[in-house]
Amino acid sequence: MLVVLTLIFIFQNRSETTIKLFWVSVQSPLWLTLVVILLLGWIAGLLTRRKKPTN
């Protein structure tokens, strides 16, 4: 089921998009851009996770 949803997501987001940050410009498919942003957010969440206080 997850594979089917992934394929639908990729096929619906195949258009090219351009990301500009300062002087760097990167062009890639929209699905790839969204996956990279998701992974960066997940990693940032892991790095800034607070530990539960122990009683």
PDB file of N, CA and C in Angstrom:
ATOM      1  N   MET A   1       0.824  -1.200   0.000  1.00  0.00           N
ATOM      2  CA  MET A   1       0.000   0.000   0.000  1.00  0.00           C
ATOM      3  C   MET A   1       0.868   1.264   0.000  1.00  0.00           C
ATOM      4  N   LEU A   2       1.930   1.251   0.809  1.00  0.00           N
ATOM      5  CA  LEU A   2       2.824   2.403   0.874  1.00  0.00           C
ATOM      6  C   LEU A   2       3.525   2.636  -0.470  1.00  0.00           C
ATOM      7  N   VAL A   3       3.858   1.557  -1.156  1.00  0.00           N
ATOM      8  CA  VAL A   3       4.503   1.681  -2.469  1.00  0.00           C
ATOM      9  C   VAL A   3       3.557   2.345  -3.458  1.00  0.00           C
ATOM     10  N   VAL A   4       2.305   1.967  -3.436  1.00  0.00           N
ATOM     11  CA  VAL A   4       1.312   2.562  -4.340  1.00  0.00           C
ATOM     12  C   VAL A   4       1.157   4.052  -4.056  1.00  0.00           C
ATOM     13  N   LEU A   5       1.046   4.414  -2.781  1.00  0.00           N
ATOM     14  CA  LEU A   5       0.926   5.835  -2.432  1.00  0.00           C
ATOM     15  C   LEU A   5       2.167   6.617  -2.834  1.00  0.00           C
ATOM     16  N   THR A   6       3.337   6.014  -2.666  1.00  0.00           N
ATOM     17  CA  THR A   6       4.586   6.668  -3.070  1.00  0.00           C
ATOM     18  C   THR A   6       4.621   6.896  -4.568  1.00  0.00           C
ATOM     19  N   LEU A   7       4.232   5.903  -5.345  1.00  0.00           N
ATOM     20  CA  LEU A   7       4.212   6.051  -6.800  1.00  0.00           C
ATOM     21  C   LEU A   7       3.204   7.111  -7.244  1.00  0.00           C
ATOM     22  N   ILE A   8       2.043   7.143  -6.620  1.00  0.00           N
ATOM     23  CA  ILE A   8       1.052   8.180  -6.943  1.00  0.00           C
ATOM     24  C   ILE A   8       1.620   9.556  -6.641  1.00  0.00           C
ATOM     25  N   PHE A   9       2.267   9.704  -5.473  1.00  0.00           N
ATOM     26  CA  PHE A   9       2.882  10.980  -5.088  1.00  0.00           C
ATOM     27  C   PHE A   9       3.920  11.421  -6.116  1.00  0.00           C
ATOM     28  N   ILE A  10       4.777  10.500  -6.545  1.00  0.00           N
ATOM     29  CA  ILE A  10       5.825  10.840  -7.514  1.00  0.00           C
ATOM     30  C   ILE A  10       5.218  11.217  -8.863  1.00  0.00           C
ATOM     31  N   PHE A  11       4.250  10.446  -9.349  1.00  0.00           N
ATOM     32  CA  PHE A  11       3.667  10.731 -10.660  1.00  0.00           C
ATOM     33  C   PHE A  11       2.878  12.039 -10.677  1.00  0.00           C
ATOM     34  N   GLN A  12       2.296  12.423  -9.559  1.00  0.00           N
ATOM     35  CA  GLN A  12       1.545  13.670  -9.522  1.00  0.00           C
ATOM     36  C   GLN A  12       2.436  14.889  -9.300  1.00  0.00           C
ATOM     37  N   ASN A  13       3.685  14.699  -8.927  1.00  0.00           N
ATOM     38  CA  ASN A  13       4.588  15.819  -8.639  1.00  0.00           C
ATOM     39  C   ASN A  13       5.862  15.740  -9.464  1.00  0.00           C
ATOM     40  N   ARG A  14       5.714  15.451 -10.753  1.00  0.00           N
ATOM     41  CA  ARG A  14       6.883  15.310 -11.624  1.00  0.00           C
ATOM     42  C   ARG A  14       7.359  16.619 -12.229  1.00  0.00           C
ATOM     43  N   SER A  15       6.619  17.689 -12.089  1.00  0.00           N
ATOM     44  CA  SER A  15       7.020  18.944 -12.719  1.00  0.00           C
ATOM     45  C   SER A  15       8.298  19.488 -12.090  1.00  0.00           C
ATOM     46  N   GLU A  16       9.054  20.216 -12.889  1.00  0.00           N
ATOM     47  CA  GLU A  16      10.310  20.808 -12.426  1.00  0.00           C
ATOM     48  C   GLU A  16      10.031  22.034 -11.576  1.00  0.00           C
ATOM     49  N   THR A  17      10.847  22.228 -10.567  1.00  0.00           N
ATOM     50  CA  THR A  17      10.740  23.417  -9.735  1.00  0.00           C
ATOM     51  C   THR A  17      12.140  23.976  -9.508  1.00  0.00           C
ATOM     52  N   THR A  18      12.215  25.275  -9.291  1.00  0.00           N
ATOM     53  CA  THR A  18      13.493  25.925  -9.051  1.00  0.00           C
ATOM     54  C   THR A  18      13.504  26.506  -7.650  1.00  0.00           C
ATOM     55  N   ILE A  19      14.563  26.224  -6.926  1.00  0.00           N
ATOM     56  CA  ILE A  19      14.739  26.768  -5.586  1.00  0.00           C
ATOM     57  C   ILE A  19      15.936  27.706  -5.628  1.00  0.00           C
ATOM     58  N   LYS A  20      15.734  28.927  -5.148  1.00  0.00           N
ATOM     59  CA  LYS A  20      16.807  29.915  -5.108  1.00  0.00           C
ATOM     60  C   LYS A  20      17.093  30.269  -3.661  1.00  0.00           C
ATOM     61  N   LEU A  21      18.341  30.107  -3.249  1.00  0.00           N
ATOM     62  CA  LEU A  21      18.777  30.468  -1.915  1.00  0.00           C
ATOM     63  C   LEU A  21      20.059  31.261  -2.063  1.00  0.00           C
ATOM     64  N   PHE A  22      19.956  32.552  -1.759  1.00  0.00           N
ATOM     65  CA  PHE A  22      21.059  33.494  -1.950  1.00  0.00           C
ATOM     66  C   PHE A  22      21.484  33.474  -3.413  1.00  0.00           C
ATOM     67  N   TRP A  23      22.676  33.046  -3.723  1.00  0.00           N
ATOM     68  CA  TRP A  23      23.145  33.061  -5.102  1.00  0.00           C
ATOM     69  C   TRP A  23      23.074  31.677  -5.757  1.00  0.00           C
ATOM     70  N   VAL A  24      22.610  30.686  -5.047  1.00  0.00           N
ATOM     71  CA  VAL A  24      22.527  29.320  -5.566  1.00  0.00           C
ATOM     72  C   VAL A  24      21.115  29.055  -6.087  1.00  0.00           C
ATOM     73  N   SER A  25      21.040  28.467  -7.267  1.00  0.00           N
ATOM     74  CA  SER A  25      19.762  28.114  -7.863  1.00  0.00           C
ATOM     75  C   SER A  25      19.807  26.636  -8.250  1.00  0.00           C
ATOM     76  N   VAL A  26      18.837  25.866  -7.740  1.00  0.00           N
ATOM     77  CA  VAL A  26      18.794  24.423  -8.009  1.00  0.00           C
ATOM     78  C   VAL A  26      17.461  24.084  -8.650  1.00  0.00           C
ATOM     79  N   GLN A  27      17.512  23.299  -9.722  1.00  0.00           N
ATOM     80  CA  GLN A  27      16.293  22.881 -10.399  1.00  0.00           C
ATOM     81  C   GLN A  27      16.177  21.358 -10.277  1.00  0.00           C
ATOM     82  N   SER A  28      15.017  20.898  -9.800  1.00  0.00           N
ATOM     83  CA  SER A  28      14.797  19.464  -9.623  1.00  0.00           C
ATOM     84  C   SER A  28      13.301  19.185  -9.669  1.00  0.00           C
ATOM     85  N   PRO A  29      12.925  17.906  -9.790  1.00  0.00           N
ATOM     86  CA  PRO A  29      11.494  17.572  -9.751  1.00  0.00           C
ATOM     87  C   PRO A  29      10.898  17.935  -8.391  1.00  0.00           C
ATOM     88  N   LEU A  30       9.641  18.320  -8.396  1.00  0.00           N
ATOM     89  CA  LEU A  30       8.971  18.738  -7.166  1.00  0.00           C
ATOM     90  C   LEU A  30       8.972  17.632  -6.125  1.00  0.00           C
ATOM     91  N   TRP A  31       8.741  16.380  -6.528  1.00  0.00           N
ATOM     92  CA  TRP A  31       8.695  15.283  -5.556  1.00  0.00           C
ATOM     93  C   TRP A  31      10.028  15.128  -4.840  1.00  0.00           C
ATOM     94  N   LEU A  32      11.140  15.298  -5.555  1.00  0.00           N
ATOM     95  CA  LEU A  32      12.458  15.167  -4.945  1.00  0.00           C
ATOM     96  C   LEU A  32      12.711  16.306  -3.960  1.00  0.00           C
ATOM     97  N   THR A  33      12.292  17.502  -4.331  1.00  0.00           N
ATOM     98  CA  THR A  33      12.431  18.655  -3.453  1.00  0.00           C
ATOM     99  C   THR A  33      11.655  18.447  -2.159  1.00  0.00           C
ATOM    100  N   LEU A  34      10.433  17.957  -2.260  1.00  0.00           N
ATOM    101  CA  LEU A  34       9.615  17.720  -1.076  1.00  0.00           C
ATOM    102  C   LEU A  34      10.201  16.633  -0.187  1.00  0.00           C
ATOM    103  N   VAL A  35      10.750  15.585  -0.776  1.00  0.00           N
ATOM    104  CA  VAL A  35      11.352  14.504   0.011  1.00  0.00           C
ATOM    105  C   VAL A  35      12.593  15.006   0.743  1.00  0.00           C
ATOM    106  N   VAL A  36      13.426  15.795   0.069  1.00  0.00           N
ATOM    107  CA  VAL A  36      14.632  16.337   0.710  1.00  0.00           C
ATOM    108  C   VAL A  36      14.257  17.250   1.871  1.00  0.00           C
ATOM    109  N   ILE A  37      13.256  18.112   1.690  1.00  0.00           N
ATOM    110  CA  ILE A  37      12.817  18.996   2.763  1.00  0.00           C
ATOM    111  C   ILE A  37      12.246  18.190   3.932  1.00  0.00           C
ATOM    112  N   LEU A  38      11.496  17.136   3.632  1.00  0.00           N
ATOM    113  CA  LEU A  38      10.972  16.267   4.681  1.00  0.00           C
ATOM    114  C   LEU A  38      12.110  15.648   5.487  1.00  0.00           C
ATOM    115  N   LEU A  39      13.121  15.122   4.801  1.00  0.00           N
ATOM    116  CA  LEU A  39      14.252  14.503   5.491  1.00  0.00           C
ATOM    117  C   LEU A  39      15.042  15.508   6.322  1.00  0.00           C
ATOM    118  N   LEU A  40      15.251  16.711   5.793  1.00  0.00           N
ATOM    119  CA  LEU A  40      15.962  17.744   6.553  1.00  0.00           C
ATOM    120  C   LEU A  40      15.183  18.127   7.807  1.00  0.00           C
ATOM    121  N   GLY A  41      13.872  18.235   7.709  1.00  0.00           N
ATOM    122  CA  GLY A  41      13.048  18.538   8.868  1.00  0.00           C
ATOM    123  C   GLY A  41      13.075  17.428   9.889  1.00  0.00           C
ATOM    124  N   TRP A  42      13.068  16.183   9.425  1.00  0.00           N
ATOM    125  CA  TRP A  42      13.122  15.038  10.327  1.00  0.00           C
ATOM    126  C   TRP A  42      14.453  15.005  11.076  1.00  0.00           C
ATOM    127  N   ILE A  43      15.546  15.267  10.360  1.00  0.00           N
ATOM    128  CA  ILE A  43      16.866  15.293  10.991  1.00  0.00           C
ATOM    129  C   ILE A  43      16.967  16.441  11.991  1.00  0.00           C
ATOM    130  N   ALA A  44      16.440  17.604  11.631  1.00  0.00           N
ATOM    131  CA  ALA A  44      16.448  18.738  12.560  1.00  0.00           C
ATOM    132  C   ALA A  44      15.645  18.409  13.808  1.00  0.00           C
ATOM    133  N   GLY A  45      14.538  17.717  13.665  1.00  0.00           N
ATOM    134  CA  GLY A  45      13.740  17.302  14.811  1.00  0.00           C
ATOM    135  C   GLY A  45      14.489  16.339  15.713  1.00  0.00           C
ATOM    136  N   LEU A  46      15.222  15.410  15.112  1.00  0.00           N
ATOM    137  CA  LEU A  46      16.013  14.471  15.908  1.00  0.00           C
ATOM    138  C   LEU A  46      17.128  15.180  16.673  1.00  0.00           C
ATOM    139  N   LEU A  47      17.755  16.148  16.024  1.00  0.00           N
ATOM    140  CA  LEU A  47      18.865  16.855  16.658  1.00  0.00           C
ATOM    141  C   LEU A  47      18.418  17.797  17.766  1.00  0.00           C
ATOM    142  N   THR A  48      17.197  18.272  17.708  1.00  0.00           N
ATOM    143  CA  THR A  48      16.717  19.230  18.709  1.00  0.00           C
ATOM    144  C   THR A  48      15.718  18.612  19.680  1.00  0.00           C
ATOM    145  N   ARG A  49      15.609  17.300  19.671  1.00  0.00           N
ATOM    146  CA  ARG A  49      14.665  16.599  20.539  1.00  0.00           C
ATOM    147  C   ARG A  49      15.065  16.785  22.004  1.00  0.00           C
ATOM    148  N   ARG A  50      14.060  17.075  22.812  1.00  0.00           N
ATOM    149  CA  ARG A  50      14.297  17.201  24.251  1.00  0.00           C
ATOM    150  C   ARG A  50      14.066  15.857  24.902  1.00  0.00           C
ATOM    151  N   LYS A  51      14.906  15.564  25.860  1.00  0.00           N
ATOM    152  CA  LYS A  51      14.747  14.310  26.587  1.00  0.00           C
ATOM    153  C   LYS A  51      13.765  14.507  27.727  1.00  0.00           C
ATOM    154  N   LYS A  52      12.980  13.467  27.997  1.00  0.00           N
ATOM    155  CA  LYS A  52      12.018  13.530  29.083  1.00  0.00           C
ATOM    156  C   LYS A  52      12.755  13.526  30.417  1.00  0.00           C
ATOM    157  N   PRO A  53      12.311  14.343  31.364  1.00  0.00           N
ATOM    158  CA  PRO A  53      12.963  14.334  32.683  1.00  0.00           C
ATOM    159  C   PRO A  53      12.718  13.007  33.401  1.00  0.00           C
ATOM    160  N   THR A  54      13.731  12.533  34.082  1.00  0.00           N
ATOM    161  CA  THR A  54      13.590  11.287  34.812  1.00  0.00           C
ATOM    162  C   THR A  54      13.194  11.590  36.250  1.00  0.00           C
ATOM    163  N   ASN A  55      12.298  10.788  36.783  1.00  0.00           N
ATOM    164  CA  ASN A  55      11.833  10.987  38.160  1.00  0.00           C
ATOM    165  C   ASN A  55      12.559  10.073  39.118  1.00  0.00           C
TER     166      ASN A  55
END
